[in-house]
Structure formats: C-alpha cells, structure tokens
C-alpha cells in the first residue's frame, strides 16, 4: 500500500498555474491573457503561493518581472507536476470511447475550408464525435486543447510532434472580376498599387514581400487592416479591395468566378500548412482517420 501523502504540505494548487505562466512568460499581464483571467487574479495567486512557501518568488526591475532564486528553484518542479497531471488526465480522456476528437485550427482555415468538409468526414465516420476549436490569438498547436491541429508552421516542428504536410505557403492576390477590369487588359504587379489593399495585422509584411519579389517599389500606404483573412475576404468579395491569400481558402470562389487573380505573380514563403499531433496520438484510430481524410481532401489542391 502506498505511503500516505501529507496534503498539508501542498501549496495552493490553483496558484501554481499562475506562477508557471508568469515565470514562463516573464509577465503577469501575458500570463493573465493566456489563462483568461484578470491581471489582479494572477497577482493574487502569486501572493498566495509566496505566503504559503514563505519566500518571494518574483521581483521587479523597472517594468520587468524577474524570478527570484527561490522562484527559479521552484519552477521546474511546478512545471513537471503540471505536465504529469495533464498526461494523467489525457490518458483517462483517451480511454473514454465517447470522448470527441478535438481539432484545433484558425478562424479562416475553419470558415473557409475545414468546416465545409467536416460533415462529409462525420458521415464517413459516424462513430467519431468531433469538436472543432478555432483559436484567434495563439498560432502554435496547443495539445491541452486538441488531439490534432491544422496549423501553419514557419519551420518543421521538432521530433516531439508528428507533422503531415498539406500545402505550401504561397502568396497570390485576388479580387473580384469587376475590380480586375479597372486595371486594363494586361495588368502588371505594379498596377495593383492603384487598388485598395487589405492587410491582415498578423501578416503585416505580406504586401511588402509580394511587391518586393515582383521588383516593384512599394511604400506602405494607408489601407484596410483586419484581424483575419476570413474578414478580409468578405471585403474583397464586395469588390472593395484586393488581398493576398495563402492556402486553398479561395479555391471555390476562383472556380465559380467570384474572385480572380488579377496578375499571375506569386511568391513562395517559408513553411507551410499541415496537420500536427503528438507521435503517440498518430496511432490513435480517430486521429489517423481524420488525418487520412484531410490528406485526401487536399489532393486536388496545388
């Protein structure tokens, strides 16, 4: 029989999350944003932990928050404990036959591509319940939220992840046929300077990169800036502007003639889109079925 645990020695467990995030981020504000709580809530958690342990865990240098020697000593233990708890919980979750397959992606990838294909997937696999999570703020795959992710990676993930490539990150412009007609019969990349251009703030340099690759002198000009490509495409479909696209998110609009490429110039950027998961989850039959389905769905994209 295992020895009894002296639970009286445990620090306040909820405070450990705030401590771990603050130490890793080196910011109370960013820790609060990550954990979806208020700045004072994180500060209170740290104060509770410091009172319980009896030592200061952080100090301030100007606006920066710095881990104390005691905080640095405690952090790897807290990190390891939280990782073990997550691993144990995930083991139990995976054992549940009714647990949904959790898929992570971005708003645009979901609205413009993946969500349209999910009904077909669930029809082929009625035994799989699927939970789709679209993340607006974090680009990295979060295994605590999902079993598999459809994400963009600027470079190949490390060996701790299984990566299935899907399509390249290739930038090309699109607009409506009517807006294209305003450019004349044989427009060049330089002619796009006369159009309103939509930019996505997380990809602010894409127009600079595209024009530079076309050897066109481009000075950033006042333009429409939005938070997702999905929003930008709504503006473009109204004939109000042009936007740069990467991935298969306008393939149906191009096929039906709602959008056109005003010029053929495109530029290949580092990285690409793919499916990501932990190696041990790749062998899970539900994850495997989803990956196989998405790969087949991408087979017609070039």
C-alpha atoms as a PDB file:
ATOM      1  CA  UNK A   1       0.000   0.000   0.000  1.00  0.00           C
ATOM      2  CA  UNK A   2       1.459   3.420  -0.944  1.00  0.00           C
ATOM      3  CA  UNK A   3       2.569   5.703   1.832  1.00  0.00           C
ATOM      4  CA  UNK A   4       0.136   8.407   2.850  1.00  0.00           C
ATOM      5  CA  UNK A   5       0.682  11.833   1.257  1.00  0.00           C
ATOM      6  CA  UNK A   6       0.873  14.736   3.681  1.00  0.00           C
ATOM      7  CA  UNK A   7      -1.577  17.013   1.869  1.00  0.00           C
ATOM      8  CA  UNK A   8      -0.967  19.747   4.436  1.00  0.00           C
ATOM      9  CA  UNK A   9       2.349  20.445   2.722  1.00  0.00           C
ATOM     10  CA  UNK A  10       0.761  21.051  -0.678  1.00  0.00           C
ATOM     11  CA  UNK A  11       0.877  24.668  -1.890  1.00  0.00           C
ATOM     12  CA  UNK A  12      -2.380  26.205  -3.196  1.00  0.00           C
ATOM     13  CA  UNK A  13      -2.786  24.220  -6.402  1.00  0.00           C
ATOM     14  CA  UNK A  14      -4.705  26.796  -8.433  1.00  0.00           C
ATOM     15  CA  UNK A  15      -1.944  29.331  -7.770  1.00  0.00           C
ATOM     16  CA  UNK A  16       0.581  27.043  -9.463  1.00  0.00           C
ATOM     17  CA  UNK A  17      -0.951  27.764 -12.869  1.00  0.00           C
ATOM     18  CA  UNK A  18      -0.473  31.495 -12.432  1.00  0.00           C
ATOM     19  CA  UNK A  19       3.065  31.001 -11.136  1.00  0.00           C
ATOM     20  CA  UNK A  20       4.045  28.729 -14.045  1.00  0.00           C
ATOM     21  CA  UNK A  21       2.609  31.042 -16.716  1.00  0.00           C
ATOM     22  CA  UNK A  22       4.109  34.184 -15.147  1.00  0.00           C
ATOM     23  CA  UNK A  23       7.547  32.583 -14.849  1.00  0.00           C
ATOM     24  CA  UNK A  24       7.494  31.290 -18.420  1.00  0.00           C
ATOM     25  CA  UNK A  25       6.085  34.494 -19.928  1.00  0.00           C
ATOM     26  CA  UNK A  26       8.011  36.813 -17.581  1.00  0.00           C
ATOM     27  CA  UNK A  27       4.865  38.913 -17.476  1.00  0.00           C
ATOM     28  CA  UNK A  28       1.809  38.977 -15.224  1.00  0.00           C
ATOM     29  CA  UNK A  29      -0.235  40.570 -17.999  1.00  0.00           C
ATOM     30  CA  UNK A  30       0.629  37.891 -20.564  1.00  0.00           C
ATOM     31  CA  UNK A  31       0.018  35.144 -18.005  1.00  0.00           C
ATOM     32  CA  UNK A  32      -3.440  36.608 -17.324  1.00  0.00           C
ATOM     33  CA  UNK A  33      -4.232  36.707 -21.051  1.00  0.00           C
ATOM     34  CA  UNK A  34      -3.073  33.120 -21.515  1.00  0.00           C
ATOM     35  CA  UNK A  35      -5.150  31.812 -18.608  1.00  0.00           C
ATOM     36  CA  UNK A  36      -8.149  34.037 -19.462  1.00  0.00           C
ATOM     37  CA  UNK A  37      -8.223  35.702 -16.035  1.00  0.00           C
ATOM     38  CA  UNK A  38      -7.601  39.235 -14.830  1.00  0.00           C
ATOM     39  CA  UNK A  39      -4.245  40.772 -14.010  1.00  0.00           C
ATOM     40  CA  UNK A  40      -5.212  41.119 -10.292  1.00  0.00           C
ATOM     41  CA  UNK A  41      -6.215  37.434 -10.217  1.00  0.00           C
ATOM     42  CA  UNK A  42      -2.715  36.347 -11.254  1.00  0.00           C
ATOM     43  CA  UNK A  43      -1.142  38.738  -8.752  1.00  0.00           C
ATOM     44  CA  UNK A  44      -3.368  37.286  -6.020  1.00  0.00           C
ATOM     45  CA  UNK A  45      -2.362  33.725  -6.944  1.00  0.00           C
ATOM     46  CA  UNK A  46       1.316  34.629  -6.712  1.00  0.00           C
ATOM     47  CA  UNK A  47       0.776  36.318  -3.354  1.00  0.00           C
ATOM     48  CA  UNK A  48      -0.994  33.210  -2.019  1.00  0.00           C
ATOM     49  CA  UNK A  49       1.850  30.989  -3.183  1.00  0.00           C
ATOM     50  CA  UNK A  50       4.505  33.272  -1.719  1.00  0.00           C
ATOM     51  CA  UNK A  51       2.649  33.410   1.609  1.00  0.00           C
ATOM     52  CA  UNK A  52       2.361  29.620   1.695  1.00  0.00           C
ATOM     53  CA  UNK A  53       6.021  28.952   0.847  1.00  0.00           C
ATOM     54  CA  UNK A  54       7.314  31.897   2.827  1.00  0.00           C
ATOM     55  CA  UNK A  55       9.657  33.411   0.255  1.00  0.00           C
ATOM     56  CA  UNK A  56       9.316  35.974  -2.568  1.00  0.00           C
ATOM     57  CA  UNK A  57       9.117  34.298  -5.968  1.00  0.00           C
ATOM     58  CA  UNK A  58       9.475  37.413  -8.128  1.00  0.00           C
ATOM     59  CA  UNK A  59      10.995  40.852  -8.033  1.00  0.00           C
ATOM     60  CA  UNK A  60      10.632  43.878 -10.309  1.00  0.00           C
ATOM     61  CA  UNK A  61      13.288  45.653 -12.310  1.00  0.00           C
ATOM     62  CA  UNK A  62      11.543  48.672 -13.783  1.00  0.00           C
ATOM     63  CA  UNK A  63       8.591  47.285 -15.726  1.00  0.00           C
ATOM     64  CA  UNK A  64      10.040  43.798 -15.931  1.00  0.00           C
ATOM     65  CA  UNK A  65       9.183  40.970 -13.541  1.00  0.00           C
ATOM     66  CA  UNK A  66      12.130  38.754 -12.629  1.00  0.00           C
ATOM     67  CA  UNK A  67      12.103  35.324 -10.964  1.00  0.00           C
ATOM     68  CA  UNK A  68      13.871  35.225  -7.619  1.00  0.00           C
ATOM     69  CA  UNK A  69      16.406  32.497  -6.868  1.00  0.00           C
ATOM     70  CA  UNK A  70      13.666  30.650  -4.978  1.00  0.00           C
ATOM     71  CA  UNK A  71      11.278  31.084  -7.910  1.00  0.00           C
ATOM     72  CA  UNK A  72      13.834  29.630 -10.305  1.00  0.00           C
ATOM     73  CA  UNK A  73      14.352  26.696  -7.940  1.00  0.00           C
ATOM     74  CA  UNK A  74      10.616  26.020  -7.674  1.00  0.00           C
ATOM     75  CA  UNK A  75       9.703  26.394 -11.352  1.00  0.00           C
ATOM     76  CA  UNK A  76      10.957  23.041 -12.769  1.00  0.00           C
ATOM     77  CA  UNK A  77       9.102  21.154 -10.024  1.00  0.00           C
ATOM     78  CA  UNK A  78       5.865  23.012 -10.736  1.00  0.00           C
ATOM     79  CA  UNK A  79       6.269  22.554 -14.481  1.00  0.00           C
ATOM     80  CA  UNK A  80       6.910  18.822 -14.121  1.00  0.00           C
ATOM     81  CA  UNK A  81       3.973  18.380 -11.743  1.00  0.00           C
ATOM     82  CA  UNK A  82       1.562  20.156 -14.087  1.00  0.00           C
ATOM     83  CA  UNK A  83       2.819  18.164 -17.076  1.00  0.00           C
ATOM     84  CA  UNK A  84       2.300  14.897 -15.163  1.00  0.00           C
ATOM     85  CA  UNK A  85      -1.237  15.941 -14.198  1.00  0.00           C
ATOM     86  CA  UNK A  86      -2.024  16.803 -17.815  1.00  0.00           C
ATOM     87  CA  UNK A  87      -0.552  13.499 -19.014  1.00  0.00           C
ATOM     88  CA  UNK A  88      -2.643  11.557 -16.490  1.00  0.00           C
ATOM     89  CA  UNK A  89      -5.830  13.418 -17.388  1.00  0.00           C
ATOM     90  CA  UNK A  90      -5.171  12.934 -21.104  1.00  0.00           C
ATOM     91  CA  UNK A  91      -4.627   9.211 -20.572  1.00  0.00           C
ATOM     92  CA  UNK A  92      -8.040   8.935 -18.957  1.00  0.00           C
ATOM     93  CA  UNK A  93      -9.672  11.123 -21.601  1.00  0.00           C
ATOM     94  CA  UNK A  94      -8.257   8.976 -24.395  1.00  0.00           C
ATOM     95  CA  UNK A  95      -9.635   5.889 -22.696  1.00  0.00           C
ATOM     96  CA  UNK A  96     -13.181   7.236 -22.984  1.00  0.00           C
ATOM     97  CA  UNK A  97     -14.895   5.905 -26.084  1.00  0.00           C
ATOM     98  CA  UNK A  98     -17.331   8.828 -26.141  1.00  0.00           C
ATOM     99  CA  UNK A  99     -14.612  11.485 -25.931  1.00  0.00           C
ATOM    100  CA  UNK A 100     -14.783  13.771 -29.004  1.00  0.00           C
ATOM    101  CA  UNK A 101     -11.849  14.119 -31.340  1.00  0.00           C
ATOM    102  CA  UNK A 102     -10.547  17.632 -30.641  1.00  0.00           C
ATOM    103  CA  UNK A 103      -9.308  19.542 -33.686  1.00  0.00           C
ATOM    104  CA  UNK A 104      -7.546  22.903 -33.493  1.00  0.00           C
ATOM    105  CA  UNK A 105      -7.231  25.370 -36.335  1.00  0.00           C
ATOM    106  CA  UNK A 106      -7.627  29.083 -37.099  1.00  0.00           C
ATOM    107  CA  UNK A 107     -10.741  31.078 -37.901  1.00  0.00           C
ATOM    108  CA  UNK A 108     -10.003  31.405 -41.623  1.00  0.00           C
ATOM    109  CA  UNK A 109      -8.922  27.787 -42.074  1.00  0.00           C
ATOM    110  CA  UNK A 110     -12.107  26.688 -40.343  1.00  0.00           C
ATOM    111  CA  UNK A 111     -14.618  29.028 -42.004  1.00  0.00           C
ATOM    112  CA  UNK A 112     -13.120  28.917 -45.482  1.00  0.00           C
ATOM    113  CA  UNK A 113     -12.034  25.283 -45.717  1.00  0.00           C
ATOM    114  CA  UNK A 114     -12.224  22.754 -42.889  1.00  0.00           C
ATOM    115  CA  UNK A 115     -15.743  23.409 -41.572  1.00  0.00           C
ATOM    116  CA  UNK A 116     -17.174  22.745 -45.036  1.00  0.00           C
ATOM    117  CA  UNK A 117     -15.609  19.281 -45.060  1.00  0.00           C
ATOM    118  CA  UNK A 118     -16.437  18.170 -41.536  1.00  0.00           C
ATOM    119  CA  UNK A 119     -19.989  16.979 -42.397  1.00  0.00           C
ATOM    120  CA  UNK A 120     -18.532  14.639 -45.010  1.00  0.00           C
ATOM    121  CA  UNK A 121     -15.970  13.335 -42.511  1.00  0.00           C
ATOM    122  CA  UNK A 122     -18.576  12.643 -39.825  1.00  0.00           C
ATOM    123  CA  UNK A 123     -20.807  10.992 -42.413  1.00  0.00           C
ATOM    124  CA  UNK A 124     -17.983   8.626 -43.308  1.00  0.00           C
ATOM    125  CA  UNK A 125     -17.146   8.108 -39.611  1.00  0.00           C
ATOM    126  CA  UNK A 126     -20.431   8.332 -37.654  1.00  0.00           C
ATOM    127  CA  UNK A 127     -18.706   6.694 -34.687  1.00  0.00           C
ATOM    128  CA  UNK A 128     -16.440   9.752 -34.215  1.00  0.00           C
ATOM    129  CA  UNK A 129     -17.676  12.844 -32.408  1.00  0.00           C
ATOM    130  CA  UNK A 130     -15.681  15.901 -33.413  1.00  0.00           C
ATOM    131  CA  UNK A 131     -15.009  19.131 -31.513  1.00  0.00           C
ATOM    132  CA  UNK A 132     -13.567  21.968 -33.622  1.00  0.00           C
ATOM    133  CA  UNK A 133     -11.670  24.691 -31.769  1.00  0.00           C
ATOM    134  CA  UNK A 134     -10.722  27.871 -33.637  1.00  0.00           C
ATOM    135  CA  UNK A 135      -8.041  29.923 -31.918  1.00  0.00           C
ATOM    136  CA  UNK A 136      -7.794  33.607 -32.706  1.00  0.00           C
ATOM    137  CA  UNK A 137      -4.738  34.592 -30.681  1.00  0.00           C
ATOM    138  CA  UNK A 138      -2.363  31.630 -30.484  1.00  0.00           C
ATOM    139  CA  UNK A 139      -0.751  30.290 -33.670  1.00  0.00           C
ATOM    140  CA  UNK A 140       1.040  27.384 -32.011  1.00  0.00           C
ATOM    141  CA  UNK A 141      -0.552  23.975 -31.563  1.00  0.00           C
ATOM    142  CA  UNK A 142      -1.894  23.551 -28.023  1.00  0.00           C
ATOM    143  CA  UNK A 143      -2.093  19.866 -27.127  1.00  0.00           C
ATOM    144  CA  UNK A 144      -4.056  20.711 -23.981  1.00  0.00           C
ATOM    145  CA  UNK A 145      -6.893  21.903 -26.243  1.00  0.00           C
ATOM    146  CA  UNK A 146      -6.670  19.471 -29.124  1.00  0.00           C
ATOM    147  CA  UNK A 147      -5.650  16.000 -30.255  1.00  0.00           C
ATOM    148  CA  UNK A 148      -4.689  17.200 -33.729  1.00  0.00           C
ATOM    149  CA  UNK A 149      -4.265  20.600 -35.340  1.00  0.00           C
ATOM    150  CA  UNK A 150      -4.453  22.041 -38.832  1.00  0.00           C
ATOM    151  CA  UNK A 151      -1.886  24.822 -38.493  1.00  0.00           C
ATOM    152  CA  UNK A 152       0.753  26.876 -40.266  1.00  0.00           C
ATOM    153  CA  UNK A 153       4.383  26.299 -39.270  1.00  0.00           C
ATOM    154  CA  UNK A 154       7.204  28.535 -40.473  1.00  0.00           C
ATOM    155  CA  UNK A 155       9.636  25.652 -39.933  1.00  0.00           C
ATOM    156  CA  UNK A 156       9.159  21.940 -39.356  1.00  0.00           C
ATOM    157  CA  UNK A 157       8.112  21.063 -35.803  1.00  0.00           C
ATOM    158  CA  UNK A 158      10.581  19.156 -33.634  1.00  0.00           C
ATOM    159  CA  UNK A 159      10.645  15.400 -33.066  1.00  0.00           C
ATOM    160  CA  UNK A 160       8.182  15.756 -30.192  1.00  0.00           C
ATOM    161  CA  UNK A 161       5.453  16.201 -32.813  1.00  0.00           C
ATOM    162  CA  UNK A 162       4.222  14.252 -35.829  1.00  0.00           C
ATOM    163  CA  UNK A 163       3.830  16.525 -38.878  1.00  0.00           C
ATOM    164  CA  UNK A 164       1.812  15.762 -42.010  1.00  0.00           C
ATOM    165  CA  UNK A 165       2.423  18.446 -44.686  1.00  0.00           C
ATOM    166  CA  UNK A 166      -0.613  19.597 -46.655  1.00  0.00           C
ATOM    167  CA  UNK A 167       0.133  22.663 -48.793  1.00  0.00           C
ATOM    168  CA  UNK A 168       2.732  25.371 -49.193  1.00  0.00           C
ATOM    169  CA  UNK A 169       2.543  28.970 -48.037  1.00  0.00           C
ATOM    170  CA  UNK A 170       2.299  30.685 -51.414  1.00  0.00           C
ATOM    171  CA  UNK A 171       1.095  34.287 -51.585  1.00  0.00           C
ATOM    172  CA  UNK A 172      -1.040  35.403 -54.530  1.00  0.00           C
ATOM    173  CA  UNK A 173      -3.502  38.310 -54.937  1.00  0.00           C
ATOM    174  CA  UNK A 174      -7.239  38.003 -55.540  1.00  0.00           C
ATOM    175  CA  UNK A 175     -10.052  40.465 -56.241  1.00  0.00           C
ATOM    176  CA  UNK A 176     -13.422  40.494 -57.989  1.00  0.00           C
ATOM    177  CA  UNK A 177     -13.599  40.401 -61.807  1.00  0.00           C
ATOM    178  CA  UNK A 178     -15.088  43.916 -61.776  1.00  0.00           C
ATOM    179  CA  UNK A 179     -12.174  45.332 -59.810  1.00  0.00           C
ATOM    180  CA  UNK A 180      -9.756  43.447 -62.055  1.00  0.00           C
ATOM    181  CA  UNK A 181     -11.362  45.106 -65.097  1.00  0.00           C
ATOM    182  CA  UNK A 182     -10.350  48.550 -63.789  1.00  0.00           C
ATOM    183  CA  UNK A 183      -6.692  47.588 -64.275  1.00  0.00           C
ATOM    184  CA  UNK A 184      -6.861  47.287 -68.062  1.00  0.00           C
ATOM    185  CA  UNK A 185      -6.322  44.362 -70.374  1.00  0.00           C
ATOM    186  CA  UNK A 186      -2.882  43.182 -69.271  1.00  0.00           C
ATOM    187  CA  UNK A 187      -2.133  44.385 -65.726  1.00  0.00           C
ATOM    188  CA  UNK A 188       1.232  44.012 -64.044  1.00  0.00           C
ATOM    189  CA  UNK A 189       2.031  43.719 -60.325  1.00  0.00           C
ATOM    190  CA  UNK A 190       2.772  47.467 -60.291  1.00  0.00           C
ATOM    191  CA  UNK A 191      -0.812  48.193 -61.365  1.00  0.00           C
ATOM    192  CA  UNK A 192      -2.102  46.763 -58.091  1.00  0.00           C
ATOM    193  CA  UNK A 193      -0.731  49.856 -56.362  1.00  0.00           C
ATOM    194  CA  UNK A 194      -3.794  51.689 -57.672  1.00  0.00           C
ATOM    195  CA  UNK A 195      -6.183  49.369 -55.823  1.00  0.00           C
ATOM    196  CA  UNK A 196      -7.289  49.465 -52.195  1.00  0.00           C
ATOM    197  CA  UNK A 197      -5.314  46.718 -50.461  1.00  0.00           C
ATOM    198  CA  UNK A 198      -6.464  44.765 -47.428  1.00  0.00           C
ATOM    199  CA  UNK A 199      -3.851  43.630 -44.924  1.00  0.00           C
ATOM    200  CA  UNK A 200      -4.046  41.175 -42.019  1.00  0.00           C
ATOM    201  CA  UNK A 201      -2.261  42.595 -38.990  1.00  0.00           C
ATOM    202  CA  UNK A 202      -0.623  39.268 -38.076  1.00  0.00           C
ATOM    203  CA  UNK A 203       0.816  39.166 -41.613  1.00  0.00           C
ATOM    204  CA  UNK A 204       1.543  42.869 -41.954  1.00  0.00           C
ATOM    205  CA  UNK A 205       4.559  42.473 -44.262  1.00  0.00           C
ATOM    206  CA  UNK A 206       2.954  40.222 -46.863  1.00  0.00           C
ATOM    207  CA  UNK A 207       2.284  43.011 -49.350  1.00  0.00           C
ATOM    208  CA  UNK A 208       5.843  44.282 -48.875  1.00  0.00           C
ATOM    209  CA  UNK A 209       7.182  40.788 -49.564  1.00  0.00           C
ATOM    210  CA  UNK A 210       4.959  40.276 -52.604  1.00  0.00           C
ATOM    211  CA  UNK A 211       5.768  43.615 -54.252  1.00  0.00           C
ATOM    212  CA  UNK A 212       9.472  43.254 -53.476  1.00  0.00           C
ATOM    213  CA  UNK A 213       9.539  39.810 -55.125  1.00  0.00           C
ATOM    214  CA  UNK A 214       7.902  41.412 -58.191  1.00  0.00           C
ATOM    215  CA  UNK A 215      10.591  44.132 -58.174  1.00  0.00           C
ATOM    216  CA  UNK A 216       8.021  46.848 -57.569  1.00  0.00           C
ATOM    217  CA  UNK A 217       8.883  49.798 -55.340  1.00  0.00           C
ATOM    218  CA  UNK A 218       6.261  49.784 -52.627  1.00  0.00           C
ATOM    219  CA  UNK A 219       5.824  52.199 -49.758  1.00  0.00           C
ATOM    220  CA  UNK A 220       3.342  51.138 -47.103  1.00  0.00           C
ATOM    221  CA  UNK A 221       0.219  53.194 -47.688  1.00  0.00           C
ATOM    222  CA  UNK A 222      -2.989  53.724 -45.724  1.00  0.00           C
ATOM    223  CA  UNK A 223      -5.005  50.567 -46.181  1.00  0.00           C
ATOM    224  CA  UNK A 224      -7.625  48.400 -44.536  1.00  0.00           C
ATOM    225  CA  UNK A 225      -6.213  46.249 -41.736  1.00  0.00           C
ATOM    226  CA  UNK A 226      -8.247  43.380 -40.280  1.00  0.00           C
ATOM    227  CA  UNK A 227      -7.569  40.523 -37.882  1.00  0.00           C
ATOM    228  CA  UNK A 228      -8.273  37.507 -40.087  1.00  0.00           C
ATOM    229  CA  UNK A 229      -8.197  36.569 -43.760  1.00  0.00           C
ATOM    230  CA  UNK A 230     -11.846  35.490 -43.431  1.00  0.00           C
ATOM    231  CA  UNK A 231     -12.835  39.092 -42.689  1.00  0.00           C
ATOM    232  CA  UNK A 232     -10.588  40.418 -45.446  1.00  0.00           C
ATOM    233  CA  UNK A 233     -12.224  38.121 -47.991  1.00  0.00           C
ATOM    234  CA  UNK A 234     -15.672  39.447 -47.126  1.00  0.00           C
ATOM    235  CA  UNK A 235     -14.428  42.932 -48.020  1.00  0.00           C
ATOM    236  CA  UNK A 236     -12.811  41.631 -51.202  1.00  0.00           C
ATOM    237  CA  UNK A 237     -15.931  39.730 -52.284  1.00  0.00           C
ATOM    238  CA  UNK A 238     -17.836  43.034 -52.092  1.00  0.00           C
ATOM    239  CA  UNK A 239     -15.468  44.384 -54.726  1.00  0.00           C
ATOM    240  CA  UNK A 240     -13.898  46.882 -52.352  1.00  0.00           C
ATOM    241  CA  UNK A 241     -10.248  45.784 -52.378  1.00  0.00           C
ATOM    242  CA  UNK A 242      -7.631  43.140 -53.197  1.00  0.00           C
ATOM    243  CA  UNK A 243      -5.952  40.818 -50.723  1.00  0.00           C
ATOM    244  CA  UNK A 244      -3.109  38.321 -50.637  1.00  0.00           C
ATOM    245  CA  UNK A 245      -4.121  34.722 -49.988  1.00  0.00           C
ATOM    246  CA  UNK A 246      -2.137  31.671 -48.971  1.00  0.00           C
ATOM    247  CA  UNK A 247      -3.563  28.170 -48.998  1.00  0.00           C
ATOM    248  CA  UNK A 248      -6.760  26.784 -50.523  1.00  0.00           C
ATOM    249  CA  UNK A 249      -9.118  29.285 -48.910  1.00  0.00           C
ATOM    250  CA  UNK A 250     -10.492  30.790 -52.115  1.00  0.00           C
ATOM    251  CA  UNK A 251     -10.449  27.753 -54.389  1.00  0.00           C
ATOM    252  CA  UNK A 252     -14.261  27.630 -54.676  1.00  0.00           C
ATOM    253  CA  UNK A 253     -14.528  31.400 -55.291  1.00  0.00           C
ATOM    254  CA  UNK A 254     -11.921  31.129 -58.049  1.00  0.00           C
ATOM    255  CA  UNK A 255     -13.650  28.107 -59.580  1.00  0.00           C
ATOM    256  CA  UNK A 256     -17.037  29.859 -59.629  1.00  0.00           C
ATOM    257  CA  UNK A 257     -15.590  33.138 -60.891  1.00  0.00           C
ATOM    258  CA  UNK A 258     -16.495  35.190 -57.846  1.00  0.00           C
ATOM    259  CA  UNK A 259     -12.800  36.024 -57.484  1.00  0.00           C
ATOM    260  CA  UNK A 260      -9.902  36.130 -59.927  1.00  0.00           C
ATOM    261  CA  UNK A 261      -6.147  36.538 -59.755  1.00  0.00           C
ATOM    262  CA  UNK A 262      -5.566  39.988 -61.267  1.00  0.00           C
ATOM    263  CA  UNK A 263      -1.950  39.040 -62.045  1.00  0.00           C
ATOM    264  CA  UNK A 264      -0.245  35.657 -62.070  1.00  0.00           C
ATOM    265  CA  UNK A 265       2.714  36.635 -59.904  1.00  0.00           C
ATOM    266  CA  UNK A 266       3.007  34.695 -56.642  1.00  0.00           C
ATOM    267  CA  UNK A 267       5.735  34.258 -54.057  1.00  0.00           C
ATOM    268  CA  UNK A 268       6.701  31.169 -52.088  1.00  0.00           C
ATOM    269  CA  UNK A 269       7.235  31.869 -48.375  1.00  0.00           C
ATOM    270  CA  UNK A 270       8.955  29.717 -45.743  1.00  0.00           C
ATOM    271  CA  UNK A 271       6.997  26.964 -44.054  1.00  0.00           C
ATOM    272  CA  UNK A 272       3.622  25.558 -44.901  1.00  0.00           C
ATOM    273  CA  UNK A 273       0.299  24.207 -43.704  1.00  0.00           C
ATOM    274  CA  UNK A 274      -0.024  20.791 -42.153  1.00  0.00           C
ATOM    275  CA  UNK A 275      -1.551  18.510 -39.545  1.00  0.00           C
ATOM    276  CA  UNK A 276       0.225  18.247 -36.202  1.00  0.00           C
ATOM    277  CA  UNK A 277      -0.163  15.921 -33.244  1.00  0.00           C
ATOM    278  CA  UNK A 278       1.890  14.016 -30.715  1.00  0.00           C
ATOM    279  CA  UNK A 279       3.573  10.914 -32.228  1.00  0.00           C
ATOM    280  CA  UNK A 280       1.730   8.606 -29.856  1.00  0.00           C
ATOM    281  CA  UNK A 281      -1.605  10.085 -30.946  1.00  0.00           C
ATOM    282  CA  UNK A 282      -0.885   9.451 -34.616  1.00  0.00           C
ATOM    283  CA  UNK A 283      -1.607   5.784 -33.944  1.00  0.00           C
ATOM    284  CA  UNK A 284      -4.995   6.574 -32.397  1.00  0.00           C
ATOM    285  CA  UNK A 285      -7.620   5.320 -34.838  1.00  0.00           C
ATOM    286  CA  UNK A 286      -9.701   8.526 -34.650  1.00  0.00           C
ATOM    287  CA  UNK A 287      -6.706  10.812 -35.253  1.00  0.00           C
ATOM    288  CA  UNK A 288      -5.495   8.531 -38.031  1.00  0.00           C
ATOM    289  CA  UNK A 289      -8.925   8.588 -39.704  1.00  0.00           C
ATOM    290  CA  UNK A 290      -9.047  12.388 -39.564  1.00  0.00           C
ATOM    291  CA  UNK A 291      -5.526  12.838 -40.946  1.00  0.00           C
ATOM    292  CA  UNK A 292      -6.178  10.395 -43.786  1.00  0.00           C
ATOM    293  CA  UNK A 293      -9.415  12.207 -44.667  1.00  0.00           C
ATOM    294  CA  UNK A 294      -7.844  15.675 -44.732  1.00  0.00           C
ATOM    295  CA  UNK A 295      -4.878  14.471 -46.819  1.00  0.00           C
ATOM    296  CA  UNK A 296      -7.307  13.083 -49.411  1.00  0.00           C
ATOM    297  CA  UNK A 297      -9.317  16.319 -49.335  1.00  0.00           C
ATOM    298  CA  UNK A 298      -6.116  18.247 -50.125  1.00  0.00           C
ATOM    299  CA  UNK A 299      -5.108  16.028 -53.012  1.00  0.00           C
ATOM    300  CA  UNK A 300      -6.762  18.325 -55.538  1.00  0.00           C
ATOM    301  CA  UNK A 301      -5.021  21.455 -54.250  1.00  0.00           C
ATOM    302  CA  UNK A 302      -1.869  22.710 -55.989  1.00  0.00           C
END
